[in-house]
C-alpha atoms as a PDB file:
ATOM      1  CA  MET A   1     130.369  96.632 103.329  1.00  0.00           C
ATOM      2  CA  GLU A   2     133.289  96.883 100.782  1.00  0.00           C
ATOM      3  CA  PHE A   3     133.705  94.588  97.588  1.00  0.00           C
ATOM      4  CA  LEU A   4     137.220  93.302  97.705  1.00  0.00           C
ATOM      5  CA  ASP A   5     139.852  92.675  94.930  1.00  0.00           C
ATOM      6  CA  ASP A   6     140.112  89.032  95.706  1.00  0.00           C
ATOM      7  CA  GLY A   7     136.285  88.730  95.642  1.00  0.00           C
ATOM      8  CA  ASN A   8     135.442  88.458  98.919  1.00  0.00           C
ATOM      9  CA  TYR A   9     133.615  90.804 101.368  1.00  0.00           C
ATOM     10  CA  GLU A  10     134.174  93.250 104.366  1.00  0.00           C
ATOM     11  CA  LEU A  11     132.146  94.870 106.833  1.00  0.00           C
ATOM     12  CA  ARG A  12     133.984  97.566 109.132  1.00  0.00           C
ATOM     13  CA  GLU A  13     132.831 100.360 111.148  1.00  0.00           C
ATOM     14  CA  ILE A  14     133.491 103.888 109.808  1.00  0.00           C
ATOM     15  CA  GLN A  15     131.577 105.826 112.330  1.00  0.00           C
ATOM     16  CA  THR A  16     128.863 105.497 115.263  1.00  0.00           C
ATOM     17  CA  LEU A  17     126.735 108.488 115.139  1.00  0.00           C
ATOM     18  CA  GLU A  18     125.370 109.825 118.427  1.00  0.00           C
ATOM     19  CA  GLY A  19     122.823 112.063 119.499  1.00  0.00           C
ATOM     20  CA  HIS A  20     119.337 110.083 119.660  1.00  0.00           C
ATOM     21  CA  THR A  21     119.032 109.802 123.964  1.00  0.00           C
ATOM     22  CA  ASP A  22     116.787 106.581 123.662  1.00  0.00           C
ATOM     23  CA  ARG A  23     116.574 103.528 121.137  1.00  0.00           C
ATOM     24  CA  VAL A  24     116.477 104.170 117.795  1.00  0.00           C
ATOM     25  CA  TRP A  25     113.603 102.332 115.700  1.00  0.00           C
ATOM     26  CA  SER A  26     114.267 103.003 112.246  1.00  0.00           C
ATOM     27  CA  LEU A  27     115.949 104.927 109.365  1.00  0.00           C
ATOM     28  CA  ALA A  28     115.513 106.070 105.999  1.00  0.00           C
ATOM     29  CA  TRP A  29     117.934 107.116 103.193  1.00  0.00           C
ATOM     30  CA  LYS A  30     116.690 110.070 101.024  1.00  0.00           C
ATOM     31  CA  PRO A  31     116.806 108.689  97.732  1.00  0.00           C
ATOM     32  CA  THR A  32     117.703 111.633  95.643  1.00  0.00           C
ATOM     33  CA  ALA A  33     120.728 112.272  98.251  1.00  0.00           C
ATOM     34  CA  GLY A  34     123.975 110.501  97.484  1.00  0.00           C
ATOM     35  CA  VAL A  35     124.112 110.271  93.720  1.00  0.00           C
ATOM     36  CA  ASP A  36     125.453 112.329  90.800  1.00  0.00           C
ATOM     37  CA  GLY A  37     127.388 114.284  93.283  1.00  0.00           C
ATOM     38  CA  VAL A  38     124.811 114.932  96.117  1.00  0.00           C
ATOM     39  CA  ALA A  39     126.034 114.720  99.544  1.00  0.00           C
ATOM     40  CA  PRO A  40     124.189 111.291 101.057  1.00  0.00           C
ATOM     41  CA  VAL A  41     121.499 111.685 103.613  1.00  0.00           C
ATOM     42  CA  PHE A  42     119.281 109.943 106.065  1.00  0.00           C
ATOM     43  CA  ALA A  43     117.121 110.579 108.996  1.00  0.00           C
ATOM     44  CA  SER A  44     116.688 108.027 111.754  1.00  0.00           C
ATOM     45  CA  CYS A  45     114.050 108.139 114.457  1.00  0.00           C
ATOM     46  CA  SER A  46     113.775 107.337 117.681  1.00  0.00           C
ATOM     47  CA  GLY A  47     112.243 107.206 121.134  1.00  0.00           C
ATOM     48  CA  ASP A  48     113.337 110.437 122.695  1.00  0.00           C
ATOM     49  CA  LYS A  49     110.311 111.618 120.363  1.00  0.00           C
ATOM     50  CA  THR A  50     112.773 113.385 117.918  1.00  0.00           C
ATOM     51  CA  VAL A  51     114.088 112.802 114.504  1.00  0.00           C
ATOM     52  CA  ARG A  52     117.176 113.715 113.004  1.00  0.00           C
ATOM     53  CA  ILE A  53     118.873 113.974 109.716  1.00  0.00           C
ATOM     54  CA  TRP A  54     122.400 113.365 109.042  1.00  0.00           C
ATOM     55  CA  GLU A  55     124.332 114.526 106.431  1.00  0.00           C
ATOM     56  CA  GLN A  56     128.254 113.074 104.880  1.00  0.00           C
ATOM     57  CA  SER A  57     130.408 115.675 104.441  1.00  0.00           C
ATOM     58  CA  ALA A  58     132.107 115.883 101.282  1.00  0.00           C
ATOM     59  CA  SER A  59     135.695 116.969 102.447  1.00  0.00           C
ATOM     60  CA  SER A  60     135.986 114.752 105.658  1.00  0.00           C
ATOM     61  CA  ARG A  61     133.572 112.127 104.894  1.00  0.00           C
ATOM     62  CA  SER A  62     132.544 111.692 108.561  1.00  0.00           C
ATOM     63  CA  TRP A  63     128.906 111.722 109.199  1.00  0.00           C
ATOM     64  CA  ASN A  64     127.376 115.046 110.812  1.00  0.00           C
ATOM     65  CA  CYS A  65     123.646 116.061 112.275  1.00  0.00           C
ATOM     66  CA  LYS A  66     122.007 118.730 110.262  1.00  0.00           C
ATOM     67  CA  ALA A  67     118.898 119.074 111.797  1.00  0.00           C
ATOM     68  CA  VAL A  68     116.389 117.872 114.264  1.00  0.00           C
ATOM     69  CA  LEU A  69     112.797 117.699 114.062  1.00  0.00           C
ATOM     70  CA  GLU A  70     111.122 117.857 117.152  1.00  0.00           C
ATOM     71  CA  GLU A  71     108.111 119.147 119.389  1.00  0.00           C
ATOM     72  CA  MET A  72     105.545 117.539 117.025  1.00  0.00           C
ATOM     73  CA  HIS A  73     105.128 114.375 118.239  1.00  0.00           C
ATOM     74  CA  THR A  74     104.612 113.284 122.520  1.00  0.00           C
ATOM     75  CA  ARG A  75     106.117 109.461 122.121  1.00  0.00           C
ATOM     76  CA  THR A  76     108.383 107.103 120.081  1.00  0.00           C
ATOM     77  CA  VAL A  77     108.750 108.082 116.632  1.00  0.00           C
ATOM     78  CA  ARG A  78     108.648 104.495 115.414  1.00  0.00           C
ATOM     79  CA  SER A  79     109.263 104.797 111.375  1.00  0.00           C
ATOM     80  CA  CYS A  80     110.122 107.624 109.036  1.00  0.00           C
ATOM     81  CA  ALA A  81     110.406 107.483 104.913  1.00  0.00           C
ATOM     82  CA  TRP A  82     110.859 109.788 102.117  1.00  0.00           C
ATOM     83  CA  SER A  83     108.616 110.651  99.298  1.00  0.00           C
ATOM     84  CA  PRO A  84     110.547 109.759  96.032  1.00  0.00           C
ATOM     85  CA  SER A  85     111.469 113.357  95.290  1.00  0.00           C
ATOM     86  CA  GLY A  86     113.378 113.416  98.438  1.00  0.00           C
ATOM     87  CA  LYS A  87     110.691 116.749  99.279  1.00  0.00           C
ATOM     88  CA  LEU A  88     108.986 115.078 101.807  1.00  0.00           C
ATOM     89  CA  LEU A  89     109.409 113.295 104.494  1.00  0.00           C
ATOM     90  CA  ALA A  90     106.570 111.239 106.875  1.00  0.00           C
ATOM     91  CA  THR A  91     106.989 110.016 110.306  1.00  0.00           C
ATOM     92  CA  ALA A  92     105.009 107.468 112.141  1.00  0.00           C
ATOM     93  CA  SER A  93     104.645 108.085 115.947  1.00  0.00           C
ATOM     94  CA  PHE A  94     103.227 105.892 119.161  1.00  0.00           C
ATOM     95  CA  ASP A  95     101.181 109.309 119.664  1.00  0.00           C
ATOM     96  CA  ALA A  96      98.770 108.034 116.859  1.00  0.00           C
ATOM     97  CA  THR A  97      99.499 110.461 114.538  1.00  0.00           C
ATOM     98  CA  THR A  98     101.900 110.528 111.577  1.00  0.00           C
ATOM     99  CA  CYS A  99     103.777 114.457 110.375  1.00  0.00           C
ATOM    100  CA  ILE A 100     105.049 115.348 106.990  1.00  0.00           C
ATOM    101  CA  TRP A 101     107.766 117.777 107.185  1.00  0.00           C
ATOM    102  CA  GLU A 102     109.015 119.549 104.073  1.00  0.00           C
ATOM    103  CA  ASP A 103     112.605 120.330 103.080  1.00  0.00           C
ATOM    104  CA  VAL A 104     113.155 123.830 102.259  1.00  0.00           C
ATOM    105  CA  GLY A 105     116.569 124.743 101.563  1.00  0.00           C
ATOM    106  CA  GLY A 106     117.727 122.329 104.377  1.00  0.00           C
ATOM    107  CA  ASP A 107     115.177 123.359 107.126  1.00  0.00           C
ATOM    108  CA  TYR A 108     112.001 120.964 107.757  1.00  0.00           C
ATOM    109  CA  GLU A 109     108.620 122.672 108.470  1.00  0.00           C
ATOM    110  CA  CYS A 110     105.995 120.488 109.584  1.00  0.00           C
ATOM    111  CA  VAL A 111     103.293 120.969 107.101  1.00  0.00           C
ATOM    112  CA  ALA A 112     100.617 118.653 107.853  1.00  0.00           C
ATOM    113  CA  THR A 113      99.434 116.110 110.567  1.00  0.00           C
ATOM    114  CA  LEU A 114      97.665 113.083 109.408  1.00  0.00           C
ATOM    115  CA  GLU A 115      95.549 111.807 112.166  1.00  0.00           C
ATOM    116  CA  GLY A 116      92.502 109.167 112.254  1.00  0.00           C
ATOM    117  CA  HIS A 117      94.544 105.503 113.946  1.00  0.00           C
ATOM    118  CA  GLU A 118      93.594 104.828 117.087  1.00  0.00           C
ATOM    119  CA  ASN A 119      96.467 104.262 118.638  1.00  0.00           C
ATOM    120  CA  GLU A 120     100.249 103.927 117.756  1.00  0.00           C
ATOM    121  CA  VAL A 121     101.182 104.198 114.062  1.00  0.00           C
ATOM    122  CA  LYS A 122     103.998 101.660 113.250  1.00  0.00           C
ATOM    123  CA  SER A 123     104.857 102.115 109.765  1.00  0.00           C
ATOM    124  CA  VAL A 124     104.625 104.697 106.823  1.00  0.00           C
ATOM    125  CA  SER A 125     105.611 103.682 103.421  1.00  0.00           C
ATOM    126  CA  TRP A 126     105.148 106.111  99.720  1.00  0.00           C
ATOM    127  CA  ASN A 127     104.291 104.608  96.721  1.00  0.00           C
ATOM    128  CA  ALA A 128     106.509 104.725  93.597  1.00  0.00           C
ATOM    129  CA  SER A 129     104.970 107.882  92.454  1.00  0.00           C
ATOM    130  CA  GLY A 130     104.724 109.911  95.736  1.00  0.00           C
ATOM    131  CA  THR A 131     101.029 110.313  95.385  1.00  0.00           C
ATOM    132  CA  LEU A 132      99.978 107.481  98.194  1.00  0.00           C
ATOM    133  CA  LEU A 133     100.923 107.034 101.181  1.00  0.00           C
ATOM    134  CA  ALA A 134     100.247 103.938 103.280  1.00  0.00           C
ATOM    135  CA  THR A 135     100.251 103.630 107.005  1.00  0.00           C
ATOM    136  CA  CYS A 136      99.580 100.994 109.918  1.00  0.00           C
ATOM    137  CA  GLY A 137      99.367 100.480 113.137  1.00  0.00           C
ATOM    138  CA  ARG A 138      98.830  99.170 116.471  1.00  0.00           C
ATOM    139  CA  ASP A 139      94.494  98.975 115.895  1.00  0.00           C
ATOM    140  CA  LYS A 140      95.039  96.583 113.308  1.00  0.00           C
ATOM    141  CA  SER A 141      94.403  98.528 110.342  1.00  0.00           C
ATOM    142  CA  VAL A 142      96.046  99.945 107.394  1.00  0.00           C
ATOM    143  CA  TRP A 143      95.317 103.494 105.659  1.00  0.00           C
ATOM    144  CA  ILE A 144      96.248 105.046 102.621  1.00  0.00           C
ATOM    145  CA  TRP A 145      96.181 108.937 102.245  1.00  0.00           C
ATOM    146  CA  GLU A 146      96.184 110.352  98.682  1.00  0.00           C
ATOM    147  CA  VAL A 147      98.550 112.945  98.387  1.00  0.00           C
ATOM    148  CA  MET A 148      97.087 116.531  97.325  1.00  0.00           C
ATOM    149  CA  PRO A 149      97.770 120.073  96.413  1.00  0.00           C
ATOM    150  CA  GLY A 150      99.060 122.033  99.003  1.00  0.00           C
ATOM    151  CA  ASN A 151     100.146 119.200 101.145  1.00  0.00           C
ATOM    152  CA  GLU A 152      97.069 118.316 102.082  1.00  0.00           C
ATOM    153  CA  PHE A 153      96.273 114.525 102.786  1.00  0.00           C
ATOM    154  CA  GLU A 154      93.395 113.034 102.235  1.00  0.00           C
ATOM    155  CA  CYS A 155      92.183 109.302 103.473  1.00  0.00           C
ATOM    156  CA  VAL A 156      90.959 107.513 100.509  1.00  0.00           C
ATOM    157  CA  SER A 157      90.731 103.774 102.524  1.00  0.00           C
ATOM    158  CA  VAL A 158      90.754 102.312 105.861  1.00  0.00           C
ATOM    159  CA  LEU A 159      91.931  98.693 105.315  1.00  0.00           C
ATOM    160  CA  GLN A 160      90.476  96.229 107.713  1.00  0.00           C
ATOM    161  CA  GLY A 161      91.409  92.533 107.856  1.00  0.00           C
ATOM    162  CA  HIS A 162      94.551  91.489 110.332  1.00  0.00           C
ATOM    163  CA  ALA A 163      93.496  90.257 113.388  1.00  0.00           C
ATOM    164  CA  GLN A 164      96.745  91.804 115.414  1.00  0.00           C
ATOM    165  CA  ASP A 165      98.999  94.533 115.341  1.00  0.00           C
ATOM    166  CA  VAL A 166     100.496  95.802 111.981  1.00  0.00           C
ATOM    167  CA  LYS A 167     104.139  96.038 112.246  1.00  0.00           C
ATOM    168  CA  MET A 168     104.873  97.282 108.502  1.00  0.00           C
ATOM    169  CA  VAL A 169     103.405  98.280 105.268  1.00  0.00           C
ATOM    170  CA  GLN A 170     105.489  98.481 101.970  1.00  0.00           C
ATOM    171  CA  TRP A 171     104.497  99.404  98.671  1.00  0.00           C
ATOM    172  CA  HIS A 172     105.699  97.958  95.642  1.00  0.00           C
ATOM    173  CA  PRO A 173     108.707  99.420  93.761  1.00  0.00           C
ATOM    174  CA  THR A 174     107.219  99.623  90.732  1.00  0.00           C
ATOM    175  CA  MET A 175     103.281  99.031  90.884  1.00  0.00           C
ATOM    176  CA  ASP A 176     100.553 100.239  93.104  1.00  0.00           C
ATOM    177  CA  VAL A 177     100.318  97.164  95.283  1.00  0.00           C
ATOM    178  CA  LEU A 178     100.257  97.550  99.001  1.00  0.00           C
ATOM    179  CA  PHE A 179     102.162  95.165 101.234  1.00  0.00           C
ATOM    180  CA  SER A 180     101.405  94.761 105.106  1.00  0.00           C
ATOM    181  CA  CYS A 181     102.726  91.968 107.876  1.00  0.00           C
ATOM    182  CA  SER A 182     101.362  91.835 111.227  1.00  0.00           C
ATOM    183  CA  TYR A 183     101.786  90.254 114.511  1.00  0.00           C
ATOM    184  CA  ASP A 184      98.981  88.149 113.038  1.00  0.00           C
ATOM    185  CA  ASN A 185     101.966  86.240 111.728  1.00  0.00           C
ATOM    186  CA  THR A 186     100.180  86.943 108.010  1.00  0.00           C
ATOM    187  CA  ILE A 187     101.410  89.166 104.931  1.00  0.00           C
ATOM    188  CA  LYS A 188      98.143  90.581 103.257  1.00  0.00           C
ATOM    189  CA  VAL A 189      98.429  92.069  99.658  1.00  0.00           C
ATOM    190  CA  TRP A 190      96.251  95.155  99.016  1.00  0.00           C
ATOM    191  CA  TRP A 191      95.399  96.015  95.353  1.00  0.00           C
ATOM    192  CA  ALA A 192      92.532  97.889  93.103  1.00  0.00           C
ATOM    193  CA  GLU A 193      92.125  97.137  89.972  1.00  0.00           C
ATOM    194  CA  ASP A 194      91.172 100.721  88.926  1.00  0.00           C
ATOM    195  CA  THR A 195      94.052 102.461  90.065  1.00  0.00           C
ATOM    196  CA  ASP A 196      91.926 105.890  89.982  1.00  0.00           C
ATOM    197  CA  SER A 197      88.857 104.487  92.323  1.00  0.00           C
ATOM    198  CA  ASP A 198      89.416 103.955  96.280  1.00  0.00           C
ATOM    199  CA  ASN A 199      88.386 100.268  95.563  1.00  0.00           C
ATOM    200  CA  TRP A 200      91.162  98.561  97.886  1.00  0.00           C
ATOM    201  CA  HIS A 201      90.786  94.855  98.717  1.00  0.00           C
ATOM    202  CA  CYS A 202      92.482  92.309  99.753  1.00  0.00           C
ATOM    203  CA  VAL A 203      94.016  90.489  96.919  1.00  0.00           C
ATOM    204  CA  GLN A 204      96.087  87.371  99.146  1.00  0.00           C
ATOM    205  CA  THR A 205      96.890  86.436 102.563  1.00  0.00           C
ATOM    206  CA  ILE A 206     100.347  84.840 102.974  1.00  0.00           C
ATOM    207  CA  SER A 207     100.051  82.586 105.948  1.00  0.00           C
ATOM    208  CA  GLU A 208     101.087  79.412 108.351  1.00  0.00           C
ATOM    209  CA  SER A 209      98.178  77.456 106.700  1.00  0.00           C
ATOM    210  CA  ASN A 210      99.429  78.477 103.513  1.00  0.00           C
ATOM    211  CA  LYS A 211     101.514  75.336 102.442  1.00  0.00           C
ATOM    212  CA  TYR A 212     103.219  75.323  99.410  1.00  0.00           C
ATOM    213  CA  TYR A 213     104.734  71.771  97.384  1.00  0.00           C
ATOM    214  CA  THR A 214     107.765  71.469  95.815  1.00  0.00           C
ATOM    215  CA  PRO A 215     109.469  68.036  94.368  1.00  0.00           C
ATOM    216  CA  THR A 216     111.238  67.333  97.636  1.00  0.00           C
ATOM    217  CA  PHE A 217     109.673  69.508 100.685  1.00  0.00           C
ATOM    218  CA  LEU A 218     106.627  71.305 102.129  1.00  0.00           C
ATOM    219  CA  SER A 219     107.168  74.699 103.134  1.00  0.00           C
ATOM    220  CA  ILE A 220     105.024  76.864 104.719  1.00  0.00           C
ATOM    221  CA  GLY A 221     104.175  80.632 105.740  1.00  0.00           C
ATOM    222  CA  HIS A 222     106.120  82.305 109.380  1.00  0.00           C
ATOM    223  CA  SER A 223     104.479  80.938 111.738  1.00  0.00           C
ATOM    224  CA  SER A 224     105.144  83.644 114.437  1.00  0.00           C
ATOM    225  CA  THR A 225     105.112  87.946 114.244  1.00  0.00           C
ATOM    226  CA  ILE A 226     106.374  89.178 110.891  1.00  0.00           C
ATOM    227  CA  TRP A 227     108.038  91.948 111.269  1.00  0.00           C
ATOM    228  CA  ALA A 228     109.526  93.497 107.856  1.00  0.00           C
ATOM    229  CA  LEU A 229     109.439  92.951 104.265  1.00  0.00           C
ATOM    230  CA  SER A 230     111.528  94.194 101.645  1.00  0.00           C
ATOM    231  CA  PHE A 231     111.648  93.882  97.280  1.00  0.00           C
ATOM    232  CA  ASN A 232     114.490  92.940  95.340  1.00  0.00           C
ATOM    233  CA  ALA A 233     115.281  95.689  92.772  1.00  0.00           C
ATOM    234  CA  LYS A 234     113.281  94.225  89.808  1.00  0.00           C
ATOM    235  CA  GLY A 235     110.473  93.731  92.252  1.00  0.00           C
ATOM    236  CA  ASP A 236     109.826  90.288  91.461  1.00  0.00           C
ATOM    237  CA  LYS A 237     110.737  88.989  94.698  1.00  0.00           C
ATOM    238  CA  LEU A 238     109.837  89.787  98.259  1.00  0.00           C
ATOM    239  CA  VAL A 239     111.773  89.029 101.619  1.00  0.00           C
ATOM    240  CA  SER A 240     110.214  89.016 105.037  1.00  0.00           C
ATOM    241  CA  CYS A 241     111.225  88.451 108.175  1.00  0.00           C
ATOM    242  CA  SER A 242     110.174  86.725 111.459  1.00  0.00           C
ATOM    243  CA  ASP A 243     109.834  86.387 115.478  1.00  0.00           C
ATOM    244  CA  ASP A 244     110.416  82.798 114.230  1.00  0.00           C
ATOM    245  CA  LEU A 245     114.179  82.929 113.195  1.00  0.00           C
ATOM    246  CA  THR A 246     113.244  82.656 109.270  1.00  0.00           C
ATOM    247  CA  ILE A 247     114.284  84.487 106.574  1.00  0.00           C
ATOM    248  CA  LYS A 248     111.856  83.889 103.724  1.00  0.00           C
ATOM    249  CA  ILE A 249     111.541  84.874  99.602  1.00  0.00           C
ATOM    250  CA  TRP A 250     108.129  84.751  97.672  1.00  0.00           C
ATOM    251  CA  GLY A 251     108.301  85.504  93.852  1.00  0.00           C
ATOM    252  CA  ALA A 252     105.428  86.375  91.632  1.00  0.00           C
ATOM    253  CA  ASP A 253     104.744  86.996  87.734  1.00  0.00           C
ATOM    254  CA  ILE A 254     104.826  90.722  87.702  1.00  0.00           C
ATOM    255  CA  THR A 255     105.130  91.258  84.047  1.00  0.00           C
ATOM    256  CA  ARG A 256     101.578  89.616  84.219  1.00  0.00           C
ATOM    257  CA  MET A 257     100.297  92.505  86.677  1.00  0.00           C
ATOM    258  CA  GLN A 258     102.325  95.338  84.762  1.00  0.00           C
ATOM    259  CA  SER A 259     100.587  94.211  81.133  1.00  0.00           C
ATOM    260  CA  GLY A 260      96.935  94.646  82.666  1.00  0.00           C
ATOM    261  CA  ASP A 261      96.019  90.555  82.912  1.00  0.00           C
ATOM    262  CA  GLY A 262      95.112  90.996  86.525  1.00  0.00           C
ATOM    263  CA  TYR A 263      96.618  90.123  89.808  1.00  0.00           C
ATOM    264  CA  ALA A 264      98.986  87.393  89.721  1.00  0.00           C
ATOM    265  CA  SER A 265      99.829  85.883  93.351  1.00  0.00           C
ATOM    266  CA  TRP A 266     103.032  85.292  95.502  1.00  0.00           C
ATOM    267  CA  ARG A 267     104.534  82.486  95.981  1.00  0.00           C
ATOM    268  CA  HIS A 268     107.536  80.533  98.638  1.00  0.00           C
ATOM    269  CA  LEU A 269     110.323  80.046  96.569  1.00  0.00           C
ATOM    270  CA  CYS A 270     113.290  79.900  99.756  1.00  0.00           C
ATOM    271  CA  THR A 271     113.196  79.793 103.314  1.00  0.00           C
ATOM    272  CA  ILE A 272     116.292  80.990 105.024  1.00  0.00           C
ATOM    273  CA  SER A 273     116.601  79.514 108.858  1.00  0.00           C
ATOM    274  CA  GLY A 274     119.405  78.133 110.860  1.00  0.00           C
ATOM    275  CA  TYR A 275     121.388  81.645 111.217  1.00  0.00           C
ATOM    276  CA  HIS A 276     119.938  83.976 113.475  1.00  0.00           C
ATOM    277  CA  ASP A 277     119.087  82.432 117.048  1.00  0.00           C
ATOM    278  CA  ARG A 278     116.646  85.555 118.235  1.00  0.00           C
ATOM    279  CA  THR A 279     113.685  87.643 116.750  1.00  0.00           C
ATOM    280  CA  ILE A 280     114.738  88.713 113.023  1.00  0.00           C
ATOM    281  CA  PHE A 281     113.321  92.550 113.264  1.00  0.00           C
ATOM    282  CA  SER A 282     114.648  93.834 109.798  1.00  0.00           C
ATOM    283  CA  VAL A 283     115.952  92.988 106.444  1.00  0.00           C
ATOM    284  CA  HIS A 284     116.797  95.263 103.413  1.00  0.00           C
ATOM    285  CA  TRP A 285     117.372  93.896  99.673  1.00  0.00           C
ATOM    286  CA  SER A 286     120.171  95.933  97.870  1.00  0.00           C
ATOM    287  CA  ARG A 287     120.404  96.846  94.063  1.00  0.00           C
ATOM    288  CA  GLU A 288     123.180  94.541  93.557  1.00  0.00           C
ATOM    289  CA  GLY A 289     120.715  91.073  95.087  1.00  0.00           C
ATOM    290  CA  ILE A 290     122.068  90.931  98.949  1.00  0.00           C
ATOM    291  CA  ILE A 291     120.153  90.317 101.561  1.00  0.00           C
ATOM    292  CA  ALA A 292     121.164  92.625 104.752  1.00  0.00           C
ATOM    293  CA  SER A 293     119.474  91.344 108.484  1.00  0.00           C
ATOM    294  CA  GLY A 294     119.426  92.622 111.676  1.00  0.00           C
ATOM    295  CA  ALA A 295     118.005  90.617 114.609  1.00  0.00           C
ATOM    296  CA  ALA A 296     117.655  90.412 118.562  1.00  0.00           C
ATOM    297  CA  ASP A 297     121.196  88.422 118.109  1.00  0.00           C
ATOM    298  CA  ASP A 298     123.128  92.133 118.000  1.00  0.00           C
ATOM    299  CA  SER A 299     124.482  90.430 114.757  1.00  0.00           C
ATOM    300  CA  VAL A 300     124.252  92.000 110.900  1.00  0.00           C
ATOM    301  CA  GLN A 301     123.947  89.604 108.535  1.00  0.00           C
ATOM    302  CA  PHE A 302     124.075  89.299 104.750  1.00  0.00           C
ATOM    303  CA  PHE A 303     122.837  86.650 102.282  1.00  0.00           C
ATOM    304  CA  VAL A 304     122.786  86.319  98.292  1.00  0.00           C
ATOM    305  CA  GLU A 305     121.604  83.597  95.815  1.00  0.00           C
ATOM    306  CA  SER A 306     123.442  80.693  95.482  1.00  0.00           C
ATOM    307  CA  LYS A 307     124.317  80.224  91.406  1.00  0.00           C
ATOM    308  CA  ASP A 308     124.827  76.253  92.536  1.00  0.00           C
ATOM    309  CA  ASP A 309     121.975  74.144  92.237  1.00  0.00           C
ATOM    310  CA  LEU A 310     118.569  76.217  91.517  1.00  0.00           C
ATOM    311  CA  ILE A 311     116.952  72.550  90.667  1.00  0.00           C
ATOM    312  CA  ASP A 312     114.111  72.947  93.342  1.00  0.00           C
ATOM    313  CA  GLY A 313     114.334  76.543  93.326  1.00  0.00           C
ATOM    314  CA  PRO A 314     116.478  79.254  94.200  1.00  0.00           C
ATOM    315  CA  SER A 315     118.373  78.546  97.354  1.00  0.00           C
ATOM    316  CA  TYR A 316     120.869  81.644  99.409  1.00  0.00           C
ATOM    317  CA  LYS A 317     124.073  81.309 101.110  1.00  0.00           C
ATOM    318  CA  MET A 318     125.414  83.735 103.650  1.00  0.00           C
ATOM    319  CA  LEU A 319     128.066  86.362 102.117  1.00  0.00           C
ATOM    320  CA  LEU A 320     128.946  87.804 105.320  1.00  0.00           C
ATOM    321  CA  LYS A 321     128.017  87.987 109.553  1.00  0.00           C
ATOM    322  CA  LYS A 322     128.881  90.910 111.469  1.00  0.00           C
ATOM    323  CA  GLU A 323     128.422  89.419 115.234  1.00  0.00           C
ATOM    324  CA  LYS A 324     127.450  92.268 117.853  1.00  0.00           C
ATOM    325  CA  ALA A 325     127.257  94.837 115.716  1.00  0.00           C
ATOM    326  CA  HIS A 326     125.613  96.863 118.162  1.00  0.00           C
ATOM    327  CA  ASP A 327     125.144  96.127 122.109  1.00  0.00           C
ATOM    328  CA  MET A 328     121.846  95.288 121.171  1.00  0.00           C
ATOM    329  CA  ASP A 329     119.118  94.668 119.458  1.00  0.00           C
ATOM    330  CA  VAL A 330     119.585  95.598 115.583  1.00  0.00           C
ATOM    331  CA  ASN A 331     116.115  97.383 114.980  1.00  0.00           C
ATOM    332  CA  SER A 332     116.903  98.301 111.449  1.00  0.00           C
ATOM    333  CA  VAL A 333     119.316  97.626 108.467  1.00  0.00           C
ATOM    334  CA  GLN A 334     119.488 100.067 105.074  1.00  0.00           C
ATOM    335  CA  TRP A 335     121.294  99.998 102.212  1.00  0.00           C
ATOM    336  CA  SER A 336     122.339 103.338 101.051  1.00  0.00           C
ATOM    337  CA  PRO A 337     120.593 104.027  97.373  1.00  0.00           C
ATOM    338  CA  GLY A 338     123.614 104.743  95.180  1.00  0.00           C
ATOM    339  CA  CYS A 339     125.297 101.472  96.443  1.00  0.00           C
ATOM    340  CA  THR A 340     127.254  98.751  93.578  1.00  0.00           C
ATOM    341  CA  HIS A 341     129.779  96.358  94.119  1.00  0.00           C
ATOM    342  CA  GLN A 342     132.288  98.868  93.096  1.00  0.00           C
ATOM    343  CA  ALA A 343     131.622 101.537  95.853  1.00  0.00           C
ATOM    344  CA  PHE A 344     131.292 101.365  99.123  1.00  0.00           C
ATOM    345  CA  CYS A 345     127.761 100.414 100.632  1.00  0.00           C
ATOM    346  CA  TYR A 346     126.443 101.897 103.736  1.00  0.00           C
ATOM    347  CA  VAL A 347     124.252  99.717 106.545  1.00  0.00           C
ATOM    348  CA  VAL A 348     123.864 101.892 109.192  1.00  0.00           C
ATOM    349  CA  ARG A 349     125.036 101.557 112.410  1.00  0.00           C
ATOM    350  CA  MET A 350     124.068 103.740 115.366  1.00  0.00           C
ATOM    351  CA  PRO A 351     123.629 102.746 118.864  1.00  0.00           C
ATOM    352  CA  VAL A 352     120.562 101.639 120.400  1.00  0.00           C
ATOM    353  CA  ASN A 353     120.422 102.946 123.553  1.00  0.00           C
ATOM    354  CA  LEU A 354     122.972 106.099 124.494  1.00  0.00           C
END
């Protein structure tokens, strides 16, 4: 996405990356790349059981596959996530394992394989400090792993609470608070008051039965499967997307939690509806406040907070829509970590099936 001189935005395709031989499920930008002169790098994972590492050439500005991580997973690789340092890449697979890969000068070595889930692992996420890793799966559970010296990983908690397949886990960007969303139509928030303990428990469940009244309307949680979550840069707002064709914005008083005054509940702020007409699979909030969404209607859409009417709380308007961004479902949208309004921002487009 490029910010034009007239104040409008333009989304233009610069390259289609080919290499995967099956559906591409997820993308993850390397957090330490793309800034301070370091070439942008991201990982993609696929139903072809591989993970590919892509890097942009400084001279040609074209994207090239620099490495293929294979032979470790025996089924679809559903999710990938870089550690905050960019040194480790975690990959979650339908083979019930999560592999940890170490970047050694551009070569990637699998240094750990995490086992424990009964079946498909659907998502993986690192906390802000890189000391904790969360995974979730079809077995309805969420696992928290502690990163130990020597690339060892110890499971410190197995969280039960969801009634169905858990689609995604996502750590808060500044605090050790974990969020999970599920086929059971809920978002659960997990917290340990003493971060040095393994006493993790569910402190809030956001569901359709939660009713939030405002002076003008009644809003509720999602009414169908919740596929993805993302936070704004400050971490005081959360966006979720669902099979119910809506995007919902949630807010919390994170200052209270950061000051040690206990947990502050998340409350509904806004529902964005009437834009996508099929399941919304992915949402991602840019550092500049733009929400990107991708769906089964093959489109990528962008939303920004409207400044026109804040009487009843925040509202969001569509900034841009790209029809037929792919020939099939858009499974993942991800902003590059170094994007600003003045610079080009990448929302990666890859063929779903090649």
